[in-house]
N, C-alpha and C. Protein backbone atom coordinates (compact mmCIF):
# COMPACT_ATOMS: atom_id res chain seq x y z
N MET A 1 -46.50 -131.68 5.99
CA MET A 1 -45.73 -131.17 5.01
C MET A 1 -45.96 -131.96 3.73
N ASN A 2 -46.39 -131.30 2.91
CA ASN A 2 -46.82 -131.92 1.70
C ASN A 2 -46.03 -131.30 0.54
N ILE A 3 -45.27 -132.09 -0.13
CA ILE A 3 -44.44 -131.60 -1.23
C ILE A 3 -45.01 -132.24 -2.49
N THR A 4 -45.27 -131.36 -3.43
CA THR A 4 -45.75 -131.86 -4.70
C THR A 4 -44.72 -131.56 -5.77
N VAL A 5 -44.52 -132.46 -6.62
CA VAL A 5 -43.56 -132.31 -7.71
C VAL A 5 -44.38 -132.34 -8.98
N ASN A 6 -44.26 -131.28 -9.73
CA ASN A 6 -44.94 -131.20 -11.01
C ASN A 6 -43.94 -131.53 -12.12
N VAL A 7 -44.27 -132.38 -12.94
CA VAL A 7 -43.40 -132.78 -14.04
C VAL A 7 -43.57 -131.78 -15.16
N LEU A 8 -44.68 -131.31 -15.38
CA LEU A 8 -44.93 -130.33 -16.42
C LEU A 8 -44.89 -128.95 -15.78
N PRO A 9 -44.27 -128.06 -16.48
CA PRO A 9 -44.18 -126.72 -15.89
C PRO A 9 -45.53 -126.04 -15.90
N ASP A 10 -45.59 -125.14 -15.00
CA ASP A 10 -46.79 -124.34 -14.90
C ASP A 10 -46.72 -123.29 -16.00
N LEU A 11 -47.67 -123.29 -16.88
CA LEU A 11 -47.66 -122.44 -18.04
C LEU A 11 -47.79 -120.98 -17.68
N LEU A 12 -48.52 -120.68 -16.74
CA LEU A 12 -48.71 -119.30 -16.32
C LEU A 12 -47.43 -118.74 -15.75
N ASN A 13 -46.81 -119.46 -14.90
CA ASN A 13 -45.52 -119.01 -14.33
C ASN A 13 -44.47 -118.87 -15.42
N PHE A 14 -44.51 -119.82 -16.33
CA PHE A 14 -43.53 -119.77 -17.41
C PHE A 14 -43.73 -118.54 -18.29
N THR A 15 -44.95 -118.26 -18.62
CA THR A 15 -45.28 -117.13 -19.47
C THR A 15 -44.95 -115.84 -18.77
N VAL A 16 -45.25 -115.72 -17.52
CA VAL A 16 -44.94 -114.50 -16.75
C VAL A 16 -43.44 -114.33 -16.66
N SER A 17 -42.73 -115.38 -16.48
CA SER A 17 -41.28 -115.30 -16.40
C SER A 17 -40.68 -114.86 -17.72
N VAL A 18 -41.18 -115.38 -18.81
CA VAL A 18 -40.67 -114.99 -20.14
C VAL A 18 -41.01 -113.53 -20.41
N VAL A 19 -42.21 -113.11 -20.13
CA VAL A 19 -42.63 -111.73 -20.37
C VAL A 19 -41.82 -110.80 -19.49
N THR A 20 -41.66 -111.10 -18.24
CA THR A 20 -40.89 -110.22 -17.35
C THR A 20 -39.43 -110.15 -17.79
N THR A 21 -38.92 -111.25 -18.29
CA THR A 21 -37.53 -111.26 -18.77
C THR A 21 -37.41 -110.37 -20.00
N ILE A 22 -38.38 -110.45 -20.91
CA ILE A 22 -38.35 -109.61 -22.12
C ILE A 22 -38.51 -108.15 -21.73
N VAL A 23 -39.42 -107.82 -20.85
CA VAL A 23 -39.62 -106.44 -20.40
C VAL A 23 -38.36 -105.94 -19.71
N LEU A 24 -37.81 -106.76 -18.87
CA LEU A 24 -36.58 -106.38 -18.16
C LEU A 24 -35.45 -106.15 -19.17
N TYR A 25 -35.39 -106.98 -20.22
CA TYR A 25 -34.36 -106.80 -21.25
C TYR A 25 -34.51 -105.45 -21.93
N PHE A 26 -35.73 -105.06 -22.31
CA PHE A 26 -35.96 -103.78 -23.00
C PHE A 26 -35.71 -102.60 -22.06
N ILE A 27 -36.08 -102.73 -20.82
CA ILE A 27 -35.82 -101.66 -19.85
C ILE A 27 -34.32 -101.50 -19.66
N LEU A 28 -33.65 -102.60 -19.47
CA LEU A 28 -32.19 -102.54 -19.31
C LEU A 28 -31.54 -102.02 -20.59
N ARG A 29 -32.08 -102.47 -21.72
CA ARG A 29 -31.51 -102.01 -22.99
C ARG A 29 -31.66 -100.50 -23.12
N HIS A 30 -32.82 -99.99 -22.75
CA HIS A 30 -33.06 -98.56 -22.89
C HIS A 30 -32.27 -97.75 -21.86
N PHE A 31 -32.26 -98.14 -20.63
CA PHE A 31 -31.64 -97.37 -19.57
C PHE A 31 -30.19 -97.75 -19.29
N LEU A 32 -29.77 -98.93 -19.62
CA LEU A 32 -28.42 -99.37 -19.26
C LEU A 32 -27.56 -99.63 -20.49
N PHE A 33 -28.04 -100.40 -21.42
CA PHE A 33 -27.21 -100.77 -22.57
C PHE A 33 -26.88 -99.58 -23.46
N LYS A 34 -27.92 -98.74 -23.77
CA LYS A 34 -27.67 -97.60 -24.65
C LYS A 34 -26.65 -96.64 -24.03
N PRO A 35 -26.80 -96.23 -22.75
CA PRO A 35 -25.79 -95.32 -22.18
C PRO A 35 -24.40 -95.97 -22.13
N ILE A 36 -24.36 -97.26 -21.84
CA ILE A 36 -23.06 -97.94 -21.79
C ILE A 36 -22.46 -97.99 -23.18
N GLN A 37 -23.32 -98.29 -24.20
CA GLN A 37 -22.81 -98.32 -25.57
C GLN A 37 -22.36 -96.93 -26.02
N GLU A 38 -23.13 -95.89 -25.64
CA GLU A 38 -22.72 -94.53 -25.98
C GLU A 38 -21.40 -94.18 -25.29
N LEU A 39 -21.29 -94.56 -24.03
CA LEU A 39 -20.06 -94.33 -23.28
C LEU A 39 -18.90 -95.07 -23.92
N LEU A 40 -19.12 -96.31 -24.30
CA LEU A 40 -18.07 -97.09 -24.97
C LEU A 40 -17.71 -96.49 -26.32
N GLN A 41 -18.74 -95.99 -27.06
CA GLN A 41 -18.46 -95.35 -28.35
C GLN A 41 -17.66 -94.07 -28.17
N LYS A 42 -18.06 -93.29 -27.16
CA LYS A 42 -17.31 -92.06 -26.88
C LYS A 42 -15.86 -92.39 -26.51
N ARG A 43 -15.69 -93.40 -25.70
CA ARG A 43 -14.34 -93.83 -25.28
C ARG A 43 -13.55 -94.28 -26.50
N LYS A 44 -14.21 -95.04 -27.40
CA LYS A 44 -13.55 -95.51 -28.61
C LYS A 44 -13.16 -94.33 -29.50
N ASP A 45 -14.09 -93.36 -29.65
CA ASP A 45 -13.81 -92.17 -30.44
C ASP A 45 -12.65 -91.36 -29.83
N TYR A 46 -12.66 -91.24 -28.51
CA TYR A 46 -11.59 -90.52 -27.81
C TYR A 46 -10.24 -91.20 -28.06
N ILE A 47 -10.20 -92.50 -27.94
CA ILE A 47 -8.96 -93.26 -28.15
C ILE A 47 -8.52 -93.14 -29.61
N ASP A 48 -9.48 -93.27 -30.55
CA ASP A 48 -9.15 -93.13 -31.97
C ASP A 48 -8.61 -91.73 -32.26
N GLY A 49 -9.24 -90.71 -31.65
CA GLY A 49 -8.77 -89.32 -31.83
C GLY A 49 -7.35 -89.16 -31.30
N ASN A 50 -7.11 -89.72 -30.13
CA ASN A 50 -5.75 -89.64 -29.55
C ASN A 50 -4.73 -90.37 -30.41
N LEU A 51 -5.13 -91.52 -30.97
CA LEU A 51 -4.23 -92.26 -31.85
C LEU A 51 -3.92 -91.45 -33.11
N ARG A 52 -4.99 -90.85 -33.71
CA ARG A 52 -4.77 -90.02 -34.90
C ARG A 52 -3.87 -88.83 -34.57
N GLU A 53 -4.13 -88.21 -33.43
CA GLU A 53 -3.31 -87.07 -33.00
C GLU A 53 -1.86 -87.50 -32.75
N ALA A 54 -1.68 -88.65 -32.15
CA ALA A 54 -0.33 -89.17 -31.91
C ALA A 54 0.37 -89.45 -33.23
N GLU A 55 -0.37 -90.03 -34.20
CA GLU A 55 0.21 -90.30 -35.52
C GLU A 55 0.59 -88.99 -36.22
N ASN A 56 -0.31 -87.99 -36.11
CA ASN A 56 -0.01 -86.68 -36.70
C ASN A 56 1.21 -86.04 -36.04
N ASN A 57 1.25 -86.14 -34.71
CA ASN A 57 2.40 -85.58 -33.98
C ASN A 57 3.69 -86.30 -34.37
N LEU A 58 3.60 -87.61 -34.53
CA LEU A 58 4.78 -88.39 -34.93
C LEU A 58 5.23 -87.99 -36.33
N ALA A 59 4.27 -87.84 -37.23
CA ALA A 59 4.61 -87.44 -38.60
C ALA A 59 5.22 -86.03 -38.60
N GLU A 60 4.63 -85.14 -37.82
CA GLU A 60 5.15 -83.77 -37.74
C GLU A 60 6.54 -83.75 -37.11
N SER A 61 6.73 -84.54 -36.05
CA SER A 61 8.05 -84.57 -35.40
C SER A 61 9.09 -85.17 -36.34
N ASN A 62 8.70 -86.18 -37.13
CA ASN A 62 9.63 -86.74 -38.13
C ASN A 62 9.98 -85.69 -39.18
N LYS A 63 8.97 -84.93 -39.59
CA LYS A 63 9.20 -83.87 -40.57
C LYS A 63 10.16 -82.82 -40.00
N ILE A 64 9.91 -82.40 -38.77
CA ILE A 64 10.77 -81.41 -38.11
C ILE A 64 12.18 -81.97 -37.93
N LYS A 65 12.25 -83.25 -37.57
CA LYS A 65 13.55 -83.91 -37.40
C LYS A 65 14.32 -83.89 -38.72
N ASP A 66 13.64 -84.21 -39.82
CA ASP A 66 14.29 -84.18 -41.13
C ASP A 66 14.76 -82.77 -41.47
N GLU A 67 13.93 -81.76 -41.17
CA GLU A 67 14.32 -80.38 -41.44
C GLU A 67 15.56 -80.01 -40.62
N TYR A 68 15.57 -80.39 -39.35
CA TYR A 68 16.72 -80.07 -38.50
C TYR A 68 17.98 -80.80 -38.98
N GLN A 69 17.81 -82.04 -39.44
CA GLN A 69 18.97 -82.76 -39.96
C GLN A 69 19.50 -82.07 -41.20
N LYS A 70 18.61 -81.60 -42.07
CA LYS A 70 19.04 -80.86 -43.26
C LYS A 70 19.75 -79.57 -42.84
N LYS A 71 19.17 -78.87 -41.86
CA LYS A 71 19.80 -77.63 -41.38
C LYS A 71 21.14 -77.92 -40.75
N LEU A 72 21.23 -79.02 -40.02
CA LEU A 72 22.48 -79.41 -39.39
C LEU A 72 23.55 -79.69 -40.44
N LEU A 73 23.18 -80.43 -41.48
CA LEU A 73 24.12 -80.69 -42.57
C LEU A 73 24.51 -79.39 -43.26
N SER A 74 23.53 -78.54 -43.47
CA SER A 74 23.81 -77.25 -44.11
C SER A 74 24.74 -76.41 -43.24
N SER A 75 24.51 -76.40 -41.93
CA SER A 75 25.37 -75.62 -41.04
C SER A 75 26.77 -76.22 -40.97
N LYS A 76 26.87 -77.56 -41.06
CA LYS A 76 28.20 -78.17 -41.08
C LYS A 76 28.96 -77.76 -42.34
N GLU A 77 28.25 -77.77 -43.48
CA GLU A 77 28.88 -77.35 -44.73
C GLU A 77 29.28 -75.87 -44.66
N GLU A 78 28.41 -75.08 -44.06
CA GLU A 78 28.71 -73.65 -43.91
C GLU A 78 29.91 -73.46 -43.00
N ALA A 79 29.99 -74.25 -41.93
CA ALA A 79 31.14 -74.17 -41.03
C ALA A 79 32.42 -74.55 -41.77
N ARG A 80 32.34 -75.59 -42.61
CA ARG A 80 33.51 -75.98 -43.41
C ARG A 80 33.92 -74.84 -44.34
N ASP A 81 32.93 -74.21 -44.96
CA ASP A 81 33.23 -73.10 -45.86
C ASP A 81 33.86 -71.93 -45.10
N ILE A 82 33.33 -71.66 -43.92
CA ILE A 82 33.88 -70.57 -43.10
C ILE A 82 35.31 -70.89 -42.71
N LEU A 83 35.56 -72.14 -42.30
CA LEU A 83 36.92 -72.53 -41.94
C LEU A 83 37.86 -72.44 -43.14
N LYS A 84 37.35 -72.86 -44.30
CA LYS A 84 38.16 -72.78 -45.52
C LYS A 84 38.51 -71.32 -45.83
N ASP A 85 37.51 -70.44 -45.73
CA ASP A 85 37.75 -69.01 -45.97
C ASP A 85 38.71 -68.44 -44.93
N ALA A 86 38.55 -68.87 -43.69
CA ALA A 86 39.44 -68.39 -42.63
C ALA A 86 40.87 -68.83 -42.89
N ARG A 87 41.04 -70.07 -43.36
CA ARG A 87 42.39 -70.54 -43.68
C ARG A 87 42.99 -69.74 -44.83
N LYS A 88 42.17 -69.47 -45.85
CA LYS A 88 42.65 -68.67 -46.98
C LYS A 88 43.04 -67.27 -46.50
N ASN A 89 42.18 -66.68 -45.66
CA ASN A 89 42.50 -65.36 -45.12
C ASN A 89 43.76 -65.40 -44.29
N TYR A 90 43.90 -66.45 -43.48
CA TYR A 90 45.10 -66.60 -42.66
C TYR A 90 46.34 -66.68 -43.55
N GLU A 91 46.25 -67.51 -44.59
CA GLU A 91 47.40 -67.68 -45.48
C GLU A 91 47.72 -66.37 -46.20
N SER A 92 46.69 -65.65 -46.63
CA SER A 92 46.96 -64.38 -47.31
C SER A 92 47.54 -63.35 -46.35
N ILE A 93 47.04 -63.34 -45.12
CA ILE A 93 47.57 -62.40 -44.13
C ILE A 93 49.02 -62.74 -43.80
N VAL A 94 49.30 -64.03 -43.64
CA VAL A 94 50.67 -64.45 -43.35
C VAL A 94 51.58 -64.10 -44.52
N SER A 95 51.11 -64.37 -45.73
CA SER A 95 51.90 -64.07 -46.92
C SER A 95 52.14 -62.56 -47.03
N GLU A 96 51.10 -61.80 -46.79
CA GLU A 96 51.23 -60.34 -46.84
C GLU A 96 52.19 -59.85 -45.76
N ALA A 97 52.09 -60.42 -44.57
CA ALA A 97 52.99 -60.03 -43.48
C ALA A 97 54.43 -60.36 -43.83
N LYS A 98 54.64 -61.54 -44.46
CA LYS A 98 56.00 -61.91 -44.87
C LYS A 98 56.52 -60.92 -45.90
N GLN A 99 55.66 -60.58 -46.87
CA GLN A 99 56.07 -59.62 -47.90
C GLN A 99 56.39 -58.27 -47.27
N ASP A 100 55.54 -57.84 -46.34
CA ASP A 100 55.81 -56.57 -45.66
C ASP A 100 57.11 -56.62 -44.88
N ALA A 101 57.33 -57.75 -44.20
CA ALA A 101 58.57 -57.91 -43.42
C ALA A 101 59.78 -57.89 -44.34
N LEU A 102 59.69 -58.58 -45.48
CA LEU A 102 60.81 -58.58 -46.42
C LEU A 102 61.05 -57.18 -46.98
N SER A 103 59.97 -56.49 -47.29
CA SER A 103 60.08 -55.13 -47.80
C SER A 103 60.72 -54.22 -46.75
N GLU A 104 60.26 -54.36 -45.51
CA GLU A 104 60.81 -53.55 -44.42
C GLU A 104 62.28 -53.90 -44.19
N LYS A 105 62.61 -55.18 -44.31
CA LYS A 105 64.00 -55.62 -44.15
C LYS A 105 64.87 -54.97 -45.22
N GLU A 106 64.36 -54.98 -46.47
CA GLU A 106 65.12 -54.36 -47.57
C GLU A 106 65.31 -52.87 -47.32
N LYS A 107 64.26 -52.21 -46.84
CA LYS A 107 64.36 -50.78 -46.55
C LYS A 107 65.40 -50.53 -45.46
N ILE A 108 65.34 -51.35 -44.41
CA ILE A 108 66.29 -51.17 -43.30
C ILE A 108 67.71 -51.43 -43.76
N LEU A 109 67.89 -52.51 -44.56
CA LEU A 109 69.23 -52.81 -45.07
C LEU A 109 69.73 -51.69 -45.98
N GLN A 110 68.86 -51.18 -46.84
CA GLN A 110 69.25 -50.08 -47.74
C GLN A 110 69.59 -48.85 -46.93
N SER A 111 68.77 -48.56 -45.92
CA SER A 111 69.03 -47.40 -45.06
C SER A 111 70.36 -47.56 -44.33
N ALA A 112 70.60 -48.78 -43.81
CA ALA A 112 71.86 -49.02 -43.10
C ALA A 112 73.05 -48.91 -44.05
N GLU A 113 72.87 -49.42 -45.25
CA GLU A 113 73.95 -49.34 -46.25
C GLU A 113 74.22 -47.88 -46.62
N ASN A 114 73.15 -47.11 -46.83
CA ASN A 114 73.32 -45.69 -47.14
C ASN A 114 73.99 -44.95 -46.00
N GLU A 115 73.58 -45.29 -44.78
CA GLU A 115 74.19 -44.63 -43.60
C GLU A 115 75.66 -45.00 -43.49
N ALA A 116 75.98 -46.29 -43.76
CA ALA A 116 77.38 -46.72 -43.71
C ALA A 116 78.20 -45.98 -44.77
N LYS A 117 77.66 -45.83 -45.98
CA LYS A 117 78.36 -45.10 -47.03
C LYS A 117 78.57 -43.65 -46.62
N SER A 118 77.50 -43.07 -46.05
CA SER A 118 77.59 -41.68 -45.61
C SER A 118 78.66 -41.53 -44.53
N MET A 119 78.68 -42.45 -43.59
CA MET A 119 79.67 -42.40 -42.50
C MET A 119 81.08 -42.59 -43.07
N LYS A 120 81.20 -43.48 -44.06
CA LYS A 120 82.50 -43.73 -44.70
C LYS A 120 82.98 -42.46 -45.39
N GLN A 121 82.06 -41.80 -46.12
CA GLN A 121 82.42 -40.56 -46.81
C GLN A 121 82.84 -39.49 -45.82
N LYS A 122 82.10 -39.40 -44.70
CA LYS A 122 82.46 -38.41 -43.67
C LYS A 122 83.83 -38.72 -43.09
N ALA A 123 84.06 -40.03 -42.83
CA ALA A 123 85.35 -40.43 -42.26
C ALA A 123 86.48 -40.13 -43.25
N LEU A 124 86.26 -40.43 -44.53
CA LEU A 124 87.29 -40.16 -45.55
C LEU A 124 87.52 -38.66 -45.69
N SER A 125 86.43 -37.91 -45.66
CA SER A 125 86.56 -36.46 -45.76
C SER A 125 87.34 -35.91 -44.57
N SER A 126 87.00 -36.44 -43.39
CA SER A 126 87.70 -36.00 -42.17
C SER A 126 89.16 -36.41 -42.23
N LEU A 127 89.44 -37.62 -42.71
CA LEU A 127 90.82 -38.11 -42.85
C LEU A 127 91.59 -37.26 -43.86
N LYS A 128 90.93 -36.91 -44.94
CA LYS A 128 91.54 -36.09 -45.98
C LYS A 128 91.92 -34.72 -45.41
N ASP A 129 90.99 -34.13 -44.65
CA ASP A 129 91.26 -32.82 -44.05
C ASP A 129 92.43 -32.91 -43.08
N GLU A 130 92.48 -34.00 -42.31
CA GLU A 130 93.58 -34.17 -41.35
C GLU A 130 94.91 -34.37 -42.08
N ILE A 131 94.90 -35.15 -43.18
CA ILE A 131 96.13 -35.37 -43.95
C ILE A 131 96.62 -34.05 -44.55
N ILE A 132 95.67 -33.26 -45.05
CA ILE A 132 96.06 -31.96 -45.61
C ILE A 132 96.70 -31.10 -44.53
N GLU A 133 96.06 -31.07 -43.37
CA GLU A 133 96.59 -30.26 -42.27
C GLU A 133 97.96 -30.76 -41.84
N ILE A 134 98.14 -32.09 -41.76
CA ILE A 134 99.44 -32.67 -41.38
C ILE A 134 100.48 -32.33 -42.43
N ALA A 135 100.11 -32.45 -43.70
CA ALA A 135 101.05 -32.16 -44.78
C ALA A 135 101.47 -30.70 -44.77
N VAL A 136 100.53 -29.81 -44.54
CA VAL A 136 100.85 -28.38 -44.49
C VAL A 136 101.76 -28.11 -43.32
N ASN A 137 101.46 -28.66 -42.17
CA ASN A 137 102.30 -28.46 -40.98
C ASN A 137 103.69 -29.06 -41.19
N ALA A 138 103.74 -30.23 -41.85
CA ALA A 138 105.04 -30.84 -42.11
C ALA A 138 105.86 -29.98 -43.06
N ALA A 139 105.19 -29.44 -44.06
CA ALA A 139 105.90 -28.57 -45.02
C ALA A 139 106.42 -27.33 -44.33
N LYS A 140 105.65 -26.77 -43.42
CA LYS A 140 106.09 -25.58 -42.67
C LYS A 140 107.29 -25.92 -41.82
N ASP A 141 107.19 -27.06 -41.17
CA ASP A 141 108.28 -27.46 -40.28
C ASP A 141 109.56 -27.75 -41.06
N LEU A 142 109.46 -28.38 -42.18
CA LEU A 142 110.63 -28.75 -42.97
C LEU A 142 111.28 -27.55 -43.65
N SER A 143 110.50 -26.68 -44.13
CA SER A 143 111.09 -25.55 -44.85
C SER A 143 111.51 -24.47 -43.89
N GLY A 144 110.92 -24.39 -42.80
CA GLY A 144 111.25 -23.38 -41.82
C GLY A 144 110.79 -22.01 -42.27
N GLU A 145 110.24 -21.93 -43.36
CA GLU A 145 109.77 -20.66 -43.89
C GLU A 145 108.27 -20.59 -43.76
N ASN A 146 107.82 -19.45 -44.16
CA ASN A 146 106.41 -19.22 -44.14
C ASN A 146 105.82 -19.81 -45.42
N VAL A 147 105.07 -20.87 -45.31
CA VAL A 147 104.48 -21.54 -46.45
C VAL A 147 103.03 -21.07 -46.58
N ASN A 148 102.66 -20.84 -47.81
CA ASN A 148 101.30 -20.43 -48.05
C ASN A 148 100.38 -21.64 -47.78
N SER A 149 99.61 -21.52 -46.71
CA SER A 149 98.77 -22.64 -46.28
C SER A 149 97.72 -22.98 -47.31
N LYS A 150 97.21 -21.99 -47.94
CA LYS A 150 96.15 -22.19 -48.92
C LYS A 150 96.69 -22.96 -50.11
N LYS A 151 97.84 -22.59 -50.65
CA LYS A 151 98.43 -23.26 -51.79
C LYS A 151 98.84 -24.68 -51.42
N ALA A 152 99.37 -24.87 -50.23
CA ALA A 152 99.77 -26.20 -49.80
C ALA A 152 98.55 -27.11 -49.67
N ALA A 153 97.44 -26.59 -49.15
CA ALA A 153 96.20 -27.39 -49.00
C ALA A 153 95.67 -27.77 -50.36
N GLU A 154 95.70 -26.83 -51.32
CA GLU A 154 95.22 -27.12 -52.67
C GLU A 154 96.09 -28.20 -53.31
N PHE A 155 97.40 -28.07 -53.14
CA PHE A 155 98.33 -29.04 -53.71
C PHE A 155 98.08 -30.44 -53.13
N THR A 156 97.93 -30.51 -51.82
CA THR A 156 97.72 -31.79 -51.14
C THR A 156 96.38 -32.39 -51.56
N GLU A 157 95.36 -31.56 -51.68
CA GLU A 157 94.04 -32.07 -52.08
C GLU A 157 94.09 -32.61 -53.50
N LYS A 158 94.81 -31.90 -54.40
CA LYS A 158 94.98 -32.36 -55.77
C LYS A 158 95.66 -33.71 -55.78
N ARG A 159 96.67 -33.83 -54.99
CA ARG A 159 97.44 -35.06 -54.92
C ARG A 159 96.56 -36.21 -54.40
N LEU A 160 95.76 -35.92 -53.38
CA LEU A 160 94.87 -36.96 -52.82
C LEU A 160 93.78 -37.35 -53.83
N ASN A 161 93.26 -36.39 -54.57
CA ASN A 161 92.25 -36.68 -55.58
C ASN A 161 92.81 -37.56 -56.68
N SER A 162 94.09 -37.39 -56.98
CA SER A 162 94.70 -38.23 -58.00
C SER A 162 94.89 -39.66 -57.50
N LEU A 163 94.87 -39.84 -56.20
CA LEU A 163 95.03 -41.17 -55.60
C LEU A 163 93.68 -41.85 -55.32
N LYS A 164 92.60 -41.28 -55.80
CA LYS A 164 91.27 -41.83 -55.52
C LYS A 164 91.13 -43.28 -55.94
N ASP A 165 91.79 -43.64 -56.99
CA ASP A 165 91.68 -45.01 -57.49
C ASP A 165 92.42 -46.01 -56.62
N SER A 166 93.17 -45.54 -55.69
CA SER A 166 93.96 -46.46 -54.86
C SER A 166 93.06 -47.13 -53.83
N LYS A 167 93.60 -48.15 -53.16
CA LYS A 167 92.80 -48.99 -52.27
C LYS A 167 92.53 -48.34 -50.93
N TRP A 168 93.26 -47.35 -50.52
CA TRP A 168 93.05 -46.79 -49.18
C TRP A 168 91.70 -46.12 -49.05
N GLN A 169 91.09 -45.72 -50.18
CA GLN A 169 89.83 -45.02 -50.10
C GLN A 169 88.65 -45.99 -50.18
N GLU A 170 88.86 -47.18 -50.56
CA GLU A 170 87.77 -48.16 -50.64
C GLU A 170 87.57 -48.70 -49.28
């Protein structure tokens, strides 16, 4: 077994090693590095595209959010206006109903008052007729003679008409 140790490198082996390393580098660069770099570039472009799309979506969603907030504020104001109008309508309807009720009350009271006056007049007329009849009958009974009923009724009615100012008729 013979082992030799060379202190100086073998130039041929060294040169072949350097050349094979350079050739291997270019082969790897052509077949491995370029596809990997293209793949990495595509991946970078894909990620950049997704980031831009996400930023655009975020900007659009913020824009839509602002629009909805404006619409929400507008709808709240519109709701307040509707409630205000409803309250005004309610108040006018209530006021109108009160006025109608008061008007109806006045009509009913006037009607009742007119009916009471009418009933009073009928009662007085009926009382007057009865008084005339009683007076005529009393005159017949007292005189014992045949009294002209028509003249006695006229006389009694005249007498009652002259008493109109007295309190019994009020």
